[in-house]
Amino acid sequence: MTLRPLHFASLALLTLLLLAGAAYYRSQTLKLTETEIIETYAARYLDTHPQADMTHCRARPGQGATRMVVICGPEPFDAARHYEYHVGPLGGLIEENGPGDWATKQPVAPRDAA
C-alpha cells in the first residue's frame, strides 16, 4: 500500500489539530493562578464552616494529574473540620476529602511541619 498525497495531507492536518489542542490546553492551564485556585476552594470551605477563617487554608503541590491539594482546617489538626481538595490542571475538583473520610484515608498534611 502506498500513501497518496491525500493521506499525507490528512496526517498533516491531524498533527496540526493535535498541536493546536495541546497549545490551547497549556494556555488555559497558565491562565489560572494558584492564588485563584486556593481562593476558590477556601470559599467552598467557608461555605461549609461559616465560623472558619480564610487563613485556615493553604496548598501543597500535587502529584501526577493533581496540580495541587488545597488543605483547609484549623491548627491543631481537627478531624471534624479538616478538608482537602485535590485540584486538577485546569482548577477542577478531582477529589474532596473531609471529616467522613479520615477513618479510611490519611490526610495529605494534617498540619504543617515546622
PDB file of N, CA and C in Angstrom:
ATOM      1  N   MET A   1       0.840  -1.176   0.000  1.00  0.00           N
ATOM      2  CA  MET A   1       0.000   0.000   0.000  1.00  0.00           C
ATOM      3  C   MET A   1       0.889   1.244   0.000  1.00  0.00           C
ATOM      4  N   THR A   2       0.609   2.142  -0.872  1.00  0.00           N
ATOM      5  CA  THR A   2       1.369   3.388  -0.940  1.00  0.00           C
ATOM      6  C   THR A   2       0.515   4.531  -0.422  1.00  0.00           C
ATOM      7  N   LEU A   3       1.196   5.478   0.194  1.00  0.00           N
ATOM      8  CA  LEU A   3       0.493   6.648   0.699  1.00  0.00           C
ATOM      9  C   LEU A   3       0.335   7.659  -0.421  1.00  0.00           C
ATOM     10  N   ARG A   4      -0.842   8.160  -0.546  1.00  0.00           N
ATOM     11  CA  ARG A   4      -1.133   9.144  -1.575  1.00  0.00           C
ATOM     12  C   ARG A   4      -1.067  10.542  -0.963  1.00  0.00           C
ATOM     13  N   PRO A   5      -0.992  11.548  -1.795  1.00  0.00           N
ATOM     14  CA  PRO A   5      -0.941  12.917  -1.286  1.00  0.00           C
ATOM     15  C   PRO A   5      -2.096  13.245  -0.331  1.00  0.00           C
ATOM     16  N   LEU A   6      -3.255  12.681  -0.575  1.00  0.00           N
ATOM     17  CA  LEU A   6      -4.397  12.918   0.308  1.00  0.00           C
ATOM     18  C   LEU A   6      -4.121  12.363   1.711  1.00  0.00           C
ATOM     19  N   HIS A   7      -3.455  11.226   1.802  1.00  0.00           N
ATOM     20  CA  HIS A   7      -3.102  10.644   3.092  1.00  0.00           C
ATOM     21  C   HIS A   7      -2.129  11.560   3.837  1.00  0.00           C
ATOM     22  N   PHE A   8      -1.129  12.074   3.122  1.00  0.00           N
ATOM     23  CA  PHE A   8      -0.167  12.984   3.749  1.00  0.00           C
ATOM     24  C   PHE A   8      -0.855  14.250   4.245  1.00  0.00           C
ATOM     25  N   ALA A   9      -1.755  14.777   3.446  1.00  0.00           N
ATOM     26  CA  ALA A   9      -2.479  15.995   3.830  1.00  0.00           C
ATOM     27  C   ALA A   9      -3.341  15.732   5.068  1.00  0.00           C
ATOM     28  N   SER A  10      -4.000  14.603   5.106  1.00  0.00           N
ATOM     29  CA  SER A  10      -4.831  14.256   6.264  1.00  0.00           C
ATOM     30  C   SER A  10      -3.985  14.098   7.523  1.00  0.00           C
ATOM     31  N   LEU A  11      -2.854  13.437   7.373  1.00  0.00           N
ATOM     32  CA  LEU A  11      -1.951  13.248   8.507  1.00  0.00           C
ATOM     33  C   LEU A  11      -1.398  14.587   9.001  1.00  0.00           C
ATOM     34  N   ALA A  12      -1.045  15.453   8.073  1.00  0.00           N
ATOM     35  CA  ALA A  12      -0.537  16.783   8.443  1.00  0.00           C
ATOM     36  C   ALA A  12      -1.618  17.593   9.159  1.00  0.00           C
ATOM     37  N   LEU A  13      -2.855  17.542   8.667  1.00  0.00           N
ATOM     38  CA  LEU A  13      -3.962  18.265   9.298  1.00  0.00           C
ATOM     39  C   LEU A  13      -4.235  17.734  10.697  1.00  0.00           C
ATOM     40  N   LEU A  14      -4.227  16.430  10.856  1.00  0.00           N
ATOM     41  CA  LEU A  14      -4.437  15.827  12.168  1.00  0.00           C
ATOM     42  C   LEU A  14      -3.333  16.243  13.144  1.00  0.00           C
ATOM     43  N   THR A  15      -2.105  16.255  12.680  1.00  0.00           N
ATOM     44  CA  THR A  15      -0.972  16.677  13.516  1.00  0.00           C
ATOM     45  C   THR A  15      -1.132  18.132  13.950  1.00  0.00           C
ATOM     46  N   LEU A  16      -1.514  18.998  13.019  1.00  0.00           N
ATOM     47  CA  LEU A  16      -1.721  20.410  13.341  1.00  0.00           C
ATOM     48  C   LEU A  16      -2.849  20.595  14.349  1.00  0.00           C
ATOM     49  N   LEU A  17      -3.918  19.845  14.200  1.00  0.00           N
ATOM     50  CA  LEU A  17      -5.035  19.929  15.153  1.00  0.00           C
ATOM     51  C   LEU A  17      -4.608  19.483  16.549  1.00  0.00           C
ATOM     52  N   LEU A  18      -3.841  18.424  16.628  1.00  0.00           N
ATOM     53  CA  LEU A  18      -3.359  17.948  17.927  1.00  0.00           C
ATOM     54  C   LEU A  18      -2.428  18.964  18.579  1.00  0.00           C
ATOM     55  N   LEU A  19      -1.550  19.570  17.796  1.00  0.00           N
ATOM     56  CA  LEU A  19      -0.647  20.599  18.325  1.00  0.00           C
ATOM     57  C   LEU A  19      -1.431  21.826  18.796  1.00  0.00           C
ATOM     58  N   ALA A  20      -2.430  22.236  18.030  1.00  0.00           N
ATOM     59  CA  ALA A  20      -3.256  23.380  18.424  1.00  0.00           C
ATOM     60  C   ALA A  20      -4.024  23.068  19.710  1.00  0.00           C
ATOM     61  N   GLY A  21      -4.540  21.854  19.828  1.00  0.00           N
ATOM     62  CA  GLY A  21      -5.246  21.448  21.047  1.00  0.00           C
ATOM     63  C   GLY A  21      -4.332  21.453  22.258  1.00  0.00           C
ATOM     64  N   ALA A  22      -3.124  20.955  22.092  1.00  0.00           N
ATOM     65  CA  ALA A  22      -2.161  20.935  23.195  1.00  0.00           C
ATOM     66  C   ALA A  22      -1.777  22.357  23.606  1.00  0.00           C
ATOM     67  N   ALA A  23      -1.576  23.239  22.634  1.00  0.00           N
ATOM     68  CA  ALA A  23      -1.229  24.632  22.938  1.00  0.00           C
ATOM     69  C   ALA A  23      -2.383  25.333  23.661  1.00  0.00           C
ATOM     70  N   TYR A  24      -3.614  25.082  23.237  1.00  0.00           N
ATOM     71  CA  TYR A  24      -4.779  25.684  23.893  1.00  0.00           C
ATOM     72  C   TYR A  24      -4.886  25.198  25.339  1.00  0.00           C
ATOM     73  N   TYR A  25      -4.736  23.903  25.544  1.00  0.00           N
ATOM     74  CA  TYR A  25      -4.802  23.336  26.894  1.00  0.00           C
ATOM     75  C   TYR A  25      -3.745  23.974  27.784  1.00  0.00           C
ATOM     76  N   ARG A  26      -2.535  24.102  27.284  1.00  0.00           N
ATOM     77  CA  ARG A  26      -1.445  24.698  28.056  1.00  0.00           C
ATOM     78  C   ARG A  26      -1.732  26.163  28.380  1.00  0.00           C
ATOM     79  N   SER A  27      -2.285  26.893  27.433  1.00  0.00           N
ATOM     80  CA  SER A  27      -2.580  28.308  27.682  1.00  0.00           C
ATOM     81  C   SER A  27      -3.664  28.461  28.738  1.00  0.00           C
ATOM     82  N   GLN A  28      -4.643  27.562  28.740  1.00  0.00           N
ATOM     83  CA  GLN A  28      -5.696  27.624  29.752  1.00  0.00           C
ATOM     84  C   GLN A  28      -5.146  27.268  31.131  1.00  0.00           C
ATOM     85  N   THR A  29      -4.211  26.346  31.181  1.00  0.00           N
ATOM     86  CA  THR A  29      -3.571  25.982  32.445  1.00  0.00           C
ATOM     87  C   THR A  29      -2.798  27.160  33.012  1.00  0.00           C
ATOM     88  N   LEU A  30      -2.116  27.897  32.165  1.00  0.00           N
ATOM     89  CA  LEU A  30      -1.309  29.018  32.616  1.00  0.00           C
ATOM     90  C   LEU A  30      -2.152  30.223  33.025  1.00  0.00           C
ATOM     91  N   LYS A  31      -3.365  30.361  32.491  1.00  0.00           N
ATOM     92  CA  LYS A  31      -4.236  31.493  32.825  1.00  0.00           C
ATOM     93  C   LYS A  31      -4.682  31.469  34.280  1.00  0.00           C
ATOM     94  N   LEU A  32      -4.940  30.293  34.804  1.00  0.00           N
ATOM     95  CA  LEU A  32      -5.470  30.142  36.151  1.00  0.00           C
ATOM     96  C   LEU A  32      -4.322  30.108  37.157  1.00  0.00           C
ATOM     97  N   THR A  33      -4.289  31.070  38.068  1.00  0.00           N
ATOM     98  CA  THR A  33      -3.191  31.136  39.036  1.00  0.00           C
ATOM     99  C   THR A  33      -3.475  30.248  40.240  1.00  0.00           C
ATOM    100  N   GLU A  34      -2.415  29.919  40.949  1.00  0.00           N
ATOM    101  CA  GLU A  34      -2.558  29.125  42.166  1.00  0.00           C
ATOM    102  C   GLU A  34      -3.384  29.886  43.210  1.00  0.00           C
ATOM    103  N   THR A  35      -3.201  31.199  43.286  1.00  0.00           N
ATOM    104  CA  THR A  35      -3.959  32.012  44.230  1.00  0.00           C
ATOM    105  C   THR A  35      -5.453  31.917  43.951  1.00  0.00           C
ATOM    106  N   GLU A  36      -5.835  31.972  42.678  1.00  0.00           N
ATOM    107  CA  GLU A  36      -7.253  31.863  42.316  1.00  0.00           C
ATOM    108  C   GLU A  36      -7.819  30.498  42.717  1.00  0.00           C
ATOM    109  N   ILE A  37      -7.023  29.464  42.528  1.00  0.00           N
ATOM    110  CA  ILE A  37      -7.476  28.121  42.916  1.00  0.00           C
ATOM    111  C   ILE A  37      -7.666  28.041  44.422  1.00  0.00           C
ATOM    112  N   ILE A  38      -6.690  28.513  45.182  1.00  0.00           N
ATOM    113  CA  ILE A  38      -6.789  28.457  46.649  1.00  0.00           C
ATOM    114  C   ILE A  38      -7.992  29.260  47.125  1.00  0.00           C
ATOM    115  N   GLU A  39      -8.206  30.449  46.565  1.00  0.00           N
ATOM    116  CA  GLU A  39      -9.345  31.271  46.976  1.00  0.00           C
ATOM    117  C   GLU A  39     -10.676  30.589  46.666  1.00  0.00           C
ATOM    118  N   THR A  40     -10.759  29.901  45.539  1.00  0.00           N
ATOM    119  CA  THR A  40     -11.990  29.196  45.167  1.00  0.00           C
ATOM    120  C   THR A  40     -12.334  28.117  46.183  1.00  0.00           C
ATOM    121  N   TYR A  41     -11.348  27.308  46.551  1.00  0.00           N
ATOM    122  CA  TYR A  41     -11.629  26.206  47.472  1.00  0.00           C
ATOM    123  C   TYR A  41     -11.701  26.678  48.920  1.00  0.00           C
ATOM    124  N   ALA A  42     -11.043  27.779  49.243  1.00  0.00           N
ATOM    125  CA  ALA A  42     -11.205  28.371  50.577  1.00  0.00           C
ATOM    126  C   ALA A  42     -12.640  28.866  50.742  1.00  0.00           C
ATOM    127  N   ALA A  43     -13.199  29.457  49.695  1.00  0.00           N
ATOM    128  CA  ALA A  43     -14.600  29.903  49.746  1.00  0.00           C
ATOM    129  C   ALA A  43     -15.533  28.716  49.925  1.00  0.00           C
ATOM    130  N   ARG A  44     -15.226  27.613  49.285  1.00  0.00           N
ATOM    131  CA  ARG A  44     -16.029  26.392  49.448  1.00  0.00           C
ATOM    132  C   ARG A  44     -15.965  25.914  50.896  1.00  0.00           C
ATOM    133  N   TYR A  45     -14.778  25.970  51.486  1.00  0.00           N
ATOM    134  CA  TYR A  45     -14.606  25.583  52.888  1.00  0.00           C
ATOM    135  C   TYR A  45     -15.396  26.514  53.801  1.00  0.00           C
ATOM    136  N   LEU A  46     -15.338  27.815  53.529  1.00  0.00           N
ATOM    137  CA  LEU A  46     -16.070  28.786  54.355  1.00  0.00           C
ATOM    138  C   LEU A  46     -17.577  28.578  54.260  1.00  0.00           C
ATOM    139  N   ASP A  47     -18.057  28.104  53.113  1.00  0.00           N
ATOM    140  CA  ASP A  47     -19.482  27.775  52.988  1.00  0.00           C
ATOM    141  C   ASP A  47     -19.858  26.620  53.901  1.00  0.00           C
ATOM    142  N   THR A  48     -18.923  25.695  54.107  1.00  0.00           N
ATOM    143  CA  THR A  48     -19.156  24.539  54.976  1.00  0.00           C
ATOM    144  C   THR A  48     -19.061  24.919  56.442  1.00  0.00           C
ATOM    145  N   HIS A  49     -18.116  25.806  56.765  1.00  0.00           N
ATOM    146  CA  HIS A  49     -17.865  26.231  58.150  1.00  0.00           C
ATOM    147  C   HIS A  49     -17.832  27.763  58.216  1.00  0.00           C
ATOM    148  N   PRO A  50     -18.990  28.402  58.376  1.00  0.00           N
ATOM    149  CA  PRO A  50     -19.044  29.870  58.375  1.00  0.00           C
ATOM    150  C   PRO A  50     -18.181  30.522  59.457  1.00  0.00           C
ATOM    151  N   GLN A  51     -17.939  29.851  60.576  1.00  0.00           N
ATOM    152  CA  GLN A  51     -17.125  30.432  61.645  1.00  0.00           C
ATOM    153  C   GLN A  51     -15.627  30.318  61.353  1.00  0.00           C
ATOM    154  N   ALA A  52     -15.271  29.635  60.271  1.00  0.00           N
ATOM    155  CA  ALA A  52     -13.861  29.448  59.904  1.00  0.00           C
ATOM    156  C   ALA A  52     -13.301  30.740  59.310  1.00  0.00           C
ATOM    157  N   ASP A  53     -12.005  30.730  59.090  1.00  0.00           N
ATOM    158  CA  ASP A  53     -11.302  31.885  58.556  1.00  0.00           C
ATOM    159  C   ASP A  53     -10.562  31.471  57.291  1.00  0.00           C
ATOM    160  N   MET A  54     -10.435  32.398  56.348  1.00  0.00           N
ATOM    161  CA  MET A  54      -9.739  32.132  55.090  1.00  0.00           C
ATOM    162  C   MET A  54      -8.286  31.719  55.340  1.00  0.00           C
ATOM    163  N   THR A  55      -7.703  32.165  56.436  1.00  0.00           N
ATOM    164  CA  THR A  55      -6.312  31.829  56.738  1.00  0.00           C
ATOM    165  C   THR A  55      -6.154  30.371  57.171  1.00  0.00           C
ATOM    166  N   HIS A  56      -7.247  29.660  57.328  1.00  0.00           N
ATOM    167  CA  HIS A  56      -7.184  28.236  57.673  1.00  0.00           C
ATOM    168  C   HIS A  56      -6.835  27.382  56.459  1.00  0.00           C
ATOM    169  N   CYS A  57      -6.712  28.003  55.281  1.00  0.00           N
ATOM    170  CA  CYS A  57      -6.447  27.255  54.060  1.00  0.00           C
ATOM    171  C   CYS A  57      -5.044  27.539  53.531  1.00  0.00           C
ATOM    172  N   ARG A  58      -4.440  26.502  52.984  1.00  0.00           N
ATOM    173  CA  ARG A  58      -3.119  26.576  52.385  1.00  0.00           C
ATOM    174  C   ARG A  58      -3.073  25.505  51.291  1.00  0.00           C
ATOM    175  N   ALA A  59      -1.998  25.438  50.548  1.00  0.00           N
ATOM    176  CA  ALA A  59      -1.925  24.459  49.459  1.00  0.00           C
ATOM    177  C   ALA A  59      -0.563  23.796  49.423  1.00  0.00           C
ATOM    178  N   ARG A  60      -0.568  22.605  48.890  1.00  0.00           N
ATOM    179  CA  ARG A  60       0.648  21.825  48.650  1.00  0.00           C
ATOM    180  C   ARG A  60       0.658  21.408  47.188  1.00  0.00           C
ATOM    181  N   PRO A  61       1.820  21.258  46.587  1.00  0.00           N
ATOM    182  CA  PRO A  61       1.877  20.763  45.200  1.00  0.00           C
ATOM    183  C   PRO A  61       1.293  19.357  45.116  1.00  0.00           C
ATOM    184  N   GLY A  62       0.655  19.072  44.020  1.00  0.00           N
ATOM    185  CA  GLY A  62       0.089  17.745  43.808  1.00  0.00           C
ATOM    186  C   GLY A  62       1.073  16.830  43.107  1.00  0.00           C
ATOM    187  N   GLN A  63       0.632  15.624  42.848  1.00  0.00           N
ATOM    188  CA  GLN A  63       1.444  14.643  42.127  1.00  0.00           C
ATOM    189  C   GLN A  63       0.620  14.097  40.976  1.00  0.00           C
ATOM    190  N   GLY A  64       1.290  13.792  39.891  1.00  0.00           N
ATOM    191  CA  GLY A  64       0.606  13.221  38.728  1.00  0.00           C
ATOM    192  C   GLY A  64      -0.374  14.211  38.124  1.00  0.00           C
ATOM    193  N   ALA A  65      -1.633  13.793  37.992  1.00  0.00           N
ATOM    194  CA  ALA A  65      -2.665  14.635  37.387  1.00  0.00           C
ATOM    195  C   ALA A  65      -3.205  15.689  38.343  1.00  0.00           C
ATOM    196  N   THR A  66      -2.767  15.663  39.589  1.00  0.00           N
ATOM    197  CA  THR A  66      -3.217  16.638  40.572  1.00  0.00           C
ATOM    198  C   THR A  66      -2.276  17.838  40.571  1.00  0.00           C
ATOM    199  N   ARG A  67      -2.812  19.022  40.262  1.00  0.00           N
ATOM    200  CA  ARG A  67      -1.995  20.231  40.227  1.00  0.00           C
ATOM    201  C   ARG A  67      -1.601  20.658  41.630  1.00  0.00           C
ATOM    202  N   MET A  68      -2.566  20.619  42.555  1.00  0.00           N
ATOM    203  CA  MET A  68      -2.290  20.981  43.944  1.00  0.00           C
ATOM    204  C   MET A  68      -3.366  20.401  44.839  1.00  0.00           C
ATOM    205  N   VAL A  69      -3.052  20.384  46.128  1.00  0.00           N
ATOM    206  CA  VAL A  69      -4.016  19.968  47.140  1.00  0.00           C
ATOM    207  C   VAL A  69      -4.228  21.177  48.043  1.00  0.00           C
ATOM    208  N   VAL A  70      -5.461  21.675  48.070  1.00  0.00           N
ATOM    209  CA  VAL A  70      -5.809  22.785  48.957  1.00  0.00           C
ATOM    210  C   VAL A  70      -6.283  22.169  50.268  1.00  0.00           C
ATOM    211  N   ILE A  71      -5.626  22.547  51.359  1.00  0.00           N
ATOM    212  CA  ILE A  71      -5.884  21.975  52.680  1.00  0.00           C
ATOM    213  C   ILE A  71      -6.507  23.062  53.543  1.00  0.00           C
ATOM    214  N   CYS A  72      -7.668  22.786  54.102  1.00  0.00           N
ATOM    215  CA  CYS A  72      -8.353  23.764  54.938  1.00  0.00           C
ATOM    216  C   CYS A  72      -8.707  23.134  56.279  1.00  0.00           C
ATOM    217  N   GLY A  73      -8.455  23.863  57.324  1.00  0.00           N
ATOM    218  CA  GLY A  73      -8.799  23.418  58.668  1.00  0.00           C
ATOM    219  C   GLY A  73      -7.957  24.148  59.690  1.00  0.00           C
ATOM    220  N   PRO A  74      -8.481  24.279  60.891  1.00  0.00           N
ATOM    221  CA  PRO A  74      -7.739  25.000  61.927  1.00  0.00           C
ATOM    222  C   PRO A  74      -6.561  24.185  62.442  1.00  0.00           C
ATOM    223  N   GLU A  75      -5.616  24.874  63.045  1.00  0.00           N
ATOM    224  CA  GLU A  75      -4.493  24.232  63.724  1.00  0.00           C
ATOM    225  C   GLU A  75      -4.767  24.286  65.213  1.00  0.00           C
ATOM    226  N   PRO A  76      -4.522  23.261  65.972  1.00  0.00           N
ATOM    227  CA  PRO A  76      -4.001  21.963  65.542  1.00  0.00           C
ATOM    228  C   PRO A  76      -5.060  21.171  64.765  1.00  0.00           C
ATOM    229  N   PHE A  77      -4.630  20.073  64.176  1.00  0.00           N
ATOM    230  CA  PHE A  77      -5.492  19.230  63.345  1.00  0.00           C
ATOM    231  C   PHE A  77      -6.767  18.858  64.078  1.00  0.00           C
ATOM    232  N   ASP A  78      -7.892  19.077  63.407  1.00  0.00           N
ATOM    233  CA  ASP A  78      -9.210  18.722  63.939  1.00  0.00           C
ATOM    234  C   ASP A  78      -9.921  17.921  62.852  1.00  0.00           C
ATOM    235  N   ALA A  79     -10.046  16.617  63.056  1.00  0.00           N
ATOM    236  CA  ALA A  79     -10.625  15.745  62.036  1.00  0.00           C
ATOM    237  C   ALA A  79     -12.042  16.152  61.661  1.00  0.00           C
ATOM    238  N   ALA A  80     -12.749  16.819  62.554  1.00  0.00           N
ATOM    239  CA  ALA A  80     -14.123  17.231  62.278  1.00  0.00           C
ATOM    240  C   ALA A  80     -14.188  18.445  61.353  1.00  0.00           C
ATOM    241  N   ARG A  81     -13.074  19.166  61.197  1.00  0.00           N
ATOM    242  CA  ARG A  81     -13.093  20.382  60.373  1.00  0.00           C
ATOM    243  C   ARG A  81     -11.947  20.428  59.369  1.00  0.00           C
ATOM    244  N   HIS A  82     -11.318  19.301  59.079  1.00  0.00           N
ATOM    245  CA  HIS A  82     -10.200  19.245  58.134  1.00  0.00           C
ATOM    246  C   HIS A  82     -10.719  18.777  56.779  1.00  0.00           C
ATOM    247  N   TYR A  83     -10.448  19.581  55.758  1.00  0.00           N
ATOM    248  CA  TYR A  83     -10.860  19.249  54.389  1.00  0.00           C
ATOM    249  C   TYR A  83      -9.657  19.343  53.464  1.00  0.00           C
ATOM    250  N   GLU A  84      -9.661  18.502  52.445  1.00  0.00           N
ATOM    251  CA  GLU A  84      -8.639  18.545  51.412  1.00  0.00           C
ATOM    252  C   GLU A  84      -9.317  18.500  50.048  1.00  0.00           C
ATOM    253  N   TYR A  85      -8.903  19.405  49.194  1.00  0.00           N
ATOM    254  CA  TYR A  85      -9.445  19.490  47.846  1.00  0.00           C
ATOM    255  C   TYR A  85      -8.313  19.210  46.864  1.00  0.00           C
ATOM    256  N   HIS A  86      -8.395  18.097  46.159  1.00  0.00           N
ATOM    257  CA  HIS A  86      -7.398  17.724  45.162  1.00  0.00           C
ATOM    258  C   HIS A  86      -7.849  18.335  43.839  1.00  0.00           C
ATOM    259  N   VAL A  87      -6.999  19.215  43.285  1.00  0.00           N
ATOM    260  CA  VAL A  87      -7.371  20.056  42.151  1.00  0.00           C
ATOM    261  C   VAL A  87      -6.575  19.655  40.906  1.00  0.00           C
ATOM    262  N   GLY A  88      -7.270  19.577  39.777  1.00  0.00           N
ATOM    263  CA  GLY A  88      -6.641  19.225  38.509  1.00  0.00           C
ATOM    264  C   GLY A  88      -5.953  20.406  37.838  1.00  0.00           C
ATOM    265  N   PRO A  89      -5.343  20.182  36.688  1.00  0.00           N
ATOM    266  CA  PRO A  89      -4.562  21.209  35.998  1.00  0.00           C
ATOM    267  C   PRO A  89      -5.354  22.471  35.644  1.00  0.00           C
ATOM    268  N   LEU A  90      -6.643  22.342  35.351  1.00  0.00           N
ATOM    269  CA  LEU A  90      -7.454  23.497  34.981  1.00  0.00           C
ATOM    270  C   LEU A  90      -8.284  24.021  36.145  1.00  0.00           C
ATOM    271  N   GLY A  91      -8.011  23.555  37.365  1.00  0.00           N
ATOM    272  CA  GLY A  91      -8.713  24.054  38.546  1.00  0.00           C
ATOM    273  C   GLY A  91      -9.922  23.247  38.959  1.00  0.00           C
ATOM    274  N   GLY A  92     -10.243  22.208  38.226  1.00  0.00           N
ATOM    275  CA  GLY A  92     -11.399  21.380  38.561  1.00  0.00           C
ATOM    276  C   GLY A  92     -11.108  20.445  39.726  1.00  0.00           C
ATOM    277  N   LEU A  93     -12.154  20.122  40.465  1.00  0.00           N
ATOM    278  CA  LEU A  93     -12.028  19.241  41.619  1.00  0.00           C
ATOM    279  C   LEU A  93     -11.892  17.790  41.164  1.00  0.00           C
ATOM    280  N   ILE A  94     -10.829  17.147  41.597  1.00  0.00           N
ATOM    281  CA  ILE A  94     -10.618  15.727  41.309  1.00  0.00           C
ATOM    282  C   ILE A  94     -11.185  14.891  42.446  1.00  0.00           C
ATOM    283  N   GLU A  95     -10.883  15.320  43.673  1.00  0.00           N
ATOM    284  CA  GLU A  95     -11.327  14.563  44.850  1.00  0.00           C
ATOM    285  C   GLU A  95     -11.436  15.517  46.032  1.00  0.00           C
ATOM    286  N   GLU A  96     -12.473  15.304  46.842  1.00  0.00           N
ATOM    287  CA  GLU A  96     -12.644  16.071  48.077  1.00  0.00           C
ATOM    288  C   GLU A  96     -12.682  15.094  49.244  1.00  0.00           C
ATOM    289  N   ASN A  97     -11.846  15.350  50.235  1.00  0.00           N
ATOM    290  CA  ASN A  97     -11.843  14.535  51.446  1.00  0.00           C
ATOM    291  C   ASN A  97     -12.201  15.426  52.619  1.00  0.00           C
ATOM    292  N   GLY A  98     -13.047  14.902  53.493  1.00  0.00           N
ATOM    293  CA  GLY A  98     -13.485  15.667  54.655  1.00  0.00           C
ATOM    294  C   GLY A  98     -13.622  14.788  55.873  1.00  0.00           C
ATOM    295  N   PRO A  99     -14.316  15.285  56.894  1.00  0.00           N
ATOM    296  CA  PRO A  99     -14.423  14.570  58.168  1.00  0.00           C
ATOM    297  C   PRO A  99     -14.861  13.111  58.052  1.00  0.00           C
ATOM    298  N   GLY A 100     -15.737  12.796  57.139  1.00  0.00           N
ATOM    299  CA  GLY A 100     -16.203  11.418  56.986  1.00  0.00           C
ATOM    300  C   GLY A 100     -15.183  10.483  56.373  1.00  0.00           C
ATOM    301  N   ASP A 101     -14.079  11.017  55.864  1.00  0.00           N
ATOM    302  CA  ASP A 101     -13.097  10.197  55.159  1.00  0.00           C
ATOM    303  C   ASP A 101     -11.889   9.812  55.999  1.00  0.00           C
ATOM    304  N   TRP A 102     -11.663  10.458  57.124  1.00  0.00           N
ATOM    305  CA  TRP A 102     -10.405  10.260  57.858  1.00  0.00           C
ATOM    306  C   TRP A 102     -10.314   8.915  58.568  1.00  0.00           C
ATOM    307  N   ALA A 103     -11.412   8.189  58.641  1.00  0.00           N
ATOM    308  CA  ALA A 103     -11.344   6.845  59.221  1.00  0.00           C
ATOM    309  C   ALA A 103     -10.668   5.865  58.252  1.00  0.00           C
ATOM    310  N   THR A 104     -10.762   6.140  56.961  1.00  0.00           N
ATOM    311  CA  THR A 104     -10.209   5.220  55.959  1.00  0.00           C
ATOM    312  C   THR A 104      -9.098   5.825  55.112  1.00  0.00           C
ATOM    313  N   LYS A 105      -8.883   7.129  55.203  1.00  0.00           N
ATOM    314  CA  LYS A 105      -7.852   7.790  54.402  1.00  0.00           C
ATOM    315  C   LYS A 105      -6.904   8.558  55.299  1.00  0.00           C
ATOM    316  N   GLN A 106      -5.715   8.756  54.797  1.00  0.00           N
ATOM    317  CA  GLN A 106      -4.689   9.510  55.518  1.00  0.00           C
ATOM    318  C   GLN A 106      -4.644  10.928  54.966  1.00  0.00           C
ATOM    319  N   PRO A 107      -4.754  11.958  55.815  1.00  0.00           N
ATOM    320  CA  PRO A 107      -4.656  13.330  55.310  1.00  0.00           C
ATOM    321  C   PRO A 107      -3.289  13.588  54.675  1.00  0.00           C
ATOM    322  N   VAL A 108      -3.274  14.430  53.642  1.00  0.00           N
ATOM    323  CA  VAL A 108      -2.018  14.791  52.985  1.00  0.00           C
ATOM    324  C   VAL A 108      -1.125  15.523  53.973  1.00  0.00           C
ATOM    325  N   ALA A 109      -1.693  16.483  54.673  1.00  0.00           N
ATOM    326  CA  ALA A 109      -0.907  17.278  55.628  1.00  0.00           C
ATOM    327  C   ALA A 109      -1.826  17.689  56.779  1.00  0.00           C
ATOM    328  N   PRO A 110      -1.916  16.864  57.813  1.00  0.00           N
ATOM    329  CA  PRO A 110      -2.787  17.242  58.933  1.00  0.00           C
ATOM    330  C   PRO A 110      -2.360  18.535  59.576  1.00  0.00           C
ATOM    331  N   ARG A 111      -1.094  18.845  59.481  1.00  0.00           N
ATOM    332  CA  ARG A 111      -0.585  20.145  59.946  1.00  0.00           C
ATOM    333  C   ARG A 111       0.755  20.359  59.288  1.00  0.00           C
ATOM    334  N   ASP A 112       1.137  21.580  59.123  1.00  0.00           N
ATOM    335  CA  ASP A 112       2.425  21.879  58.512  1.00  0.00           C
ATOM    336  C   ASP A 112       3.541  21.610  59.503  1.00  0.00           C
ATOM    337  N   ALA A 113       4.552  20.905  59.033  1.00  0.00           N
ATOM    338  CA  ALA A 113       5.690  20.624  59.897  1.00  0.00           C
ATOM    339  C   ALA A 113       6.529  21.907  60.078  1.00  0.00           C
ATOM    340  N   ALA A 114       7.069  22.062  61.223  1.00  0.00           N
ATOM    341  CA  ALA A 114       7.878  23.262  61.496  1.00  0.00           C
ATOM    342  C   ALA A 114       9.220  23.163  60.824  1.00  0.00           C
TER     343      ALA A 114
END
